[in-house]
Amino acid sequence: MPELITGVAGFIGDHIARRLWEAGIEVVAAWYFATA
């Protein structure tokens, strides 16, 4: 079932990417407020 594996991998990758994106925003916001 390669479709299932590809779907699961894409779902996990999207989830990780979203977490990294949110963490990046938090880091930038913290740096901005710390230096403002």
PDB file of N, CA and C in Angstrom:
ATOM      1  N   MET A   1       0.847  -1.196   0.000  1.00  0.00           N
ATOM      2  CA  MET A   1       0.000   0.000   0.000  1.00  0.00           C
ATOM      3  C   MET A   1       0.886   1.252   0.000  1.00  0.00           C
ATOM      4  N   PRO A   2       1.515   1.567  -1.106  1.00  0.00           N
ATOM      5  CA  PRO A   2       2.398   2.749  -1.134  1.00  0.00           C
ATOM      6  C   PRO A   2       1.642   4.055  -0.944  1.00  0.00           C
ATOM      7  N   GLU A   3       0.369   4.073  -1.357  1.00  0.00           N
ATOM      8  CA  GLU A   3      -0.402   5.312  -1.187  1.00  0.00           C
ATOM      9  C   GLU A   3      -0.574   5.645   0.290  1.00  0.00           C
ATOM     10  N   LEU A   4      -0.841   4.608   1.103  1.00  0.00           N
ATOM     11  CA  LEU A   4      -1.035   4.830   2.537  1.00  0.00           C
ATOM     12  C   LEU A   4       0.251   5.334   3.177  1.00  0.00           C
ATOM     13  N   ILE A   5       1.373   4.715   2.806  1.00  0.00           N
ATOM     14  CA  ILE A   5       2.663   5.123   3.373  1.00  0.00           C
ATOM     15  C   ILE A   5       2.973   6.568   2.989  1.00  0.00           C
ATOM     16  N   THR A   6       2.717   6.900   1.726  1.00  0.00           N
ATOM     17  CA  THR A   6       2.979   8.268   1.263  1.00  0.00           C
ATOM     18  C   THR A   6       2.077   9.255   1.991  1.00  0.00           C
ATOM     19  N   GLY A   7       0.815   8.873   2.191  1.00  0.00           N
ATOM     20  CA  GLY A   7      -0.119   9.757   2.886  1.00  0.00           C
ATOM     21  C   GLY A   7       0.286   9.984   4.330  1.00  0.00           C
ATOM     22  N   VAL A   8       0.684   8.910   5.009  1.00  0.00           N
ATOM     23  CA  VAL A   8       1.097   9.035   6.408  1.00  0.00           C
ATOM     24  C   VAL A   8       2.365   9.874   6.512  1.00  0.00           C
ATOM     25  N   ALA A   9       3.324   9.626   5.611  1.00  0.00           N
ATOM     26  CA  ALA A   9       4.576  10.384   5.637  1.00  0.00           C
ATOM     27  C   ALA A   9       4.301  11.861   5.378  1.00  0.00           C
ATOM     28  N   GLY A  10       3.403  12.149   4.437  1.00  0.00           N
ATOM     29  CA  GLY A  10       3.069  13.543   4.147  1.00  0.00           C
ATOM     30  C   GLY A  10       2.373  14.197   5.326  1.00  0.00           C
ATOM     31  N   PHE A  11       1.484  13.441   5.998  1.00  0.00           N
ATOM     32  CA  PHE A  11       0.772  13.990   7.150  1.00  0.00           C
ATOM     33  C   PHE A  11       1.741  14.312   8.279  1.00  0.00           C
ATOM     34  N   ILE A  12       2.656  13.384   8.560  1.00  0.00           N
ATOM     35  CA  ILE A  12       3.638  13.600   9.627  1.00  0.00           C
ATOM     36  C   ILE A  12       4.562  14.755   9.266  1.00  0.00           C
ATOM     37  N   GLY A  13       4.996  14.804   8.004  1.00  0.00           N
ATOM     38  CA  GLY A  13       5.880  15.882   7.571  1.00  0.00           C
ATOM     39  C   GLY A  13       5.206  17.236   7.696  1.00  0.00           C
ATOM     40  N   ASP A  14       3.920  17.295   7.331  1.00  0.00           N
ATOM     41  CA  ASP A  14       3.194  18.557   7.433  1.00  0.00           C
ATOM     42  C   ASP A  14       3.038  18.961   8.891  1.00  0.00           C
ATOM     43  N   HIS A  15       2.790  17.979   9.762  1.00  0.00           N
ATOM     44  CA  HIS A  15       2.640  18.253  11.191  1.00  0.00           C
ATOM     45  C   HIS A  15       3.945  18.799  11.768  1.00  0.00           C
ATOM     46  N   ILE A  16       5.060  18.172  11.415  1.00  0.00           N
ATOM     47  CA  ILE A  16       6.366  18.627  11.905  1.00  0.00           C
ATOM     48  C   ILE A  16       6.676  20.018  11.367  1.00  0.00           C
ATOM     49  N   ALA A  17       6.386  20.234  10.087  1.00  0.00           N
ATOM     50  CA  ALA A  17       6.658  21.543   9.484  1.00  0.00           C
ATOM     51  C   ALA A  17       5.846  22.627  10.181  1.00  0.00           C
ATOM     52  N   ARG A  18       4.591  22.307  10.526  1.00  0.00           N
ATOM     53  CA  ARG A  18       3.744  23.296  11.198  1.00  0.00           C
ATOM     54  C   ARG A  18       4.289  23.606  12.590  1.00  0.00           C
ATOM     55  N   ARG A  19       4.752  22.589  13.314  1.00  0.00           N
ATOM     56  CA  ARG A  19       5.325  22.804  14.646  1.00  0.00           C
ATOM     57  C   ARG A  19       6.584  23.661  14.560  1.00  0.00           C
ATOM     58  N   LEU A  20       7.432  23.376  13.569  1.00  0.00           N
ATOM     59  CA  LEU A  20       8.662  24.154  13.397  1.00  0.00           C
ATOM     60  C   LEU A  20       8.322  25.591  13.027  1.00  0.00           C
ATOM     61  N   TRP A  21       7.303  25.779  12.183  1.00  0.00           N
ATOM     62  CA  TRP A  21       6.884  27.121  11.773  1.00  0.00           C
ATOM     63  C   TRP A  21       6.406  27.911  12.988  1.00  0.00           C
ATOM     64  N   GLU A  22       5.552  27.283  13.824  1.00  0.00           N
ATOM     65  CA  GLU A  22       5.043  27.961  15.016  1.00  0.00           C
ATOM     66  C   GLU A  22       6.179  28.277  15.982  1.00  0.00           C
ATOM     67  N   ALA A  23       7.102  27.344  16.162  1.00  0.00           N
ATOM     68  CA  ALA A  23       8.234  27.571  17.061  1.00  0.00           C
ATOM     69  C   ALA A  23       9.099  28.707  16.530  1.00  0.00           C
ATOM     70  N   GLY A  24       9.286  28.760  15.215  1.00  0.00           N
ATOM     71  CA  GLY A  24      10.074  29.827  14.614  1.00  0.00           C
ATOM     72  C   GLY A  24       9.439  31.185  14.851  1.00  0.00           C
ATOM     73  N   ILE A  25       8.113  31.254  14.733  1.00  0.00           N
ATOM     74  CA  ILE A  25       7.408  32.510  14.981  1.00  0.00           C
ATOM     75  C   ILE A  25       7.600  32.935  16.436  1.00  0.00           C
ATOM     76  N   GLU A  26       7.521  31.971  17.353  1.00  0.00           N
ATOM     77  CA  GLU A  26       7.686  32.295  18.773  1.00  0.00           C
ATOM     78  C   GLU A  26       9.091  32.812  19.050  1.00  0.00           C
ATOM     79  N   VAL A  27      10.091  32.198  18.425  1.00  0.00           N
ATOM     80  CA  VAL A  27      11.477  32.631  18.630  1.00  0.00           C
ATOM     81  C   VAL A  27      11.675  34.041  18.086  1.00  0.00           C
ATOM     82  N   VAL A  28      11.149  34.307  16.899  1.00  0.00           N
ATOM     83  CA  VAL A  28      11.279  35.642  16.302  1.00  0.00           C
ATOM     84  C   VAL A  28      10.549  36.675  17.152  1.00  0.00           C
ATOM     85  N   ALA A  29       9.361  36.332  17.640  1.00  0.00           N
ATOM     86  CA  ALA A  29       8.598  37.264  18.467  1.00  0.00           C
ATOM     87  C   ALA A  29       9.337  37.547  19.772  1.00  0.00           C
ATOM     88  N   ALA A  30       9.897  36.517  20.394  1.00  0.00           N
ATOM     89  CA  ALA A  30      10.629  36.705  21.648  1.00  0.00           C
ATOM     90  C   ALA A  30      11.860  37.574  21.416  1.00  0.00           C
ATOM     91  N   TRP A  31      12.563  37.330  20.310  1.00  0.00           N
ATOM     92  CA  TRP A  31      13.755  38.124  19.992  1.00  0.00           C
ATOM     93  C   TRP A  31      13.358  39.572  19.722  1.00  0.00           C
ATOM     94  N   TYR A  32      12.252  39.760  19.021  1.00  0.00           N
ATOM     95  CA  TYR A  32      11.800  41.115  18.691  1.00  0.00           C
ATOM     96  C   TYR A  32      11.455  41.890  19.963  1.00  0.00           C
ATOM     97  N   PHE A  33      10.694  41.255  20.865  1.00  0.00           N
ATOM     98  CA  PHE A  33      10.301  41.940  22.099  1.00  0.00           C
ATOM     99  C   PHE A  33      11.502  42.164  23.014  1.00  0.00           C
ATOM    100  N   ALA A  34      12.478  41.261  22.951  1.00  0.00           N
ATOM    101  CA  ALA A  34      13.655  41.402  23.815  1.00  0.00           C
ATOM    102  C   ALA A  34      14.549  42.545  23.345  1.00  0.00           C
ATOM    103  N   THR A  35      14.549  42.803  22.044  1.00  0.00           N
ATOM    104  CA  THR A  35      15.435  43.837  21.504  1.00  0.00           C
ATOM    105  C   THR A  35      14.711  45.148  21.250  1.00  0.00           C
ATOM    106  N   ALA A  36      13.394  45.150  21.351  1.00  0.00           N
ATOM    107  CA  ALA A  36      12.617  46.361  21.048  1.00  0.00           C
ATOM    108  C   ALA A  36      12.825  47.411  22.143  1.00  0.00           C
TER     109      ALA A  36
END
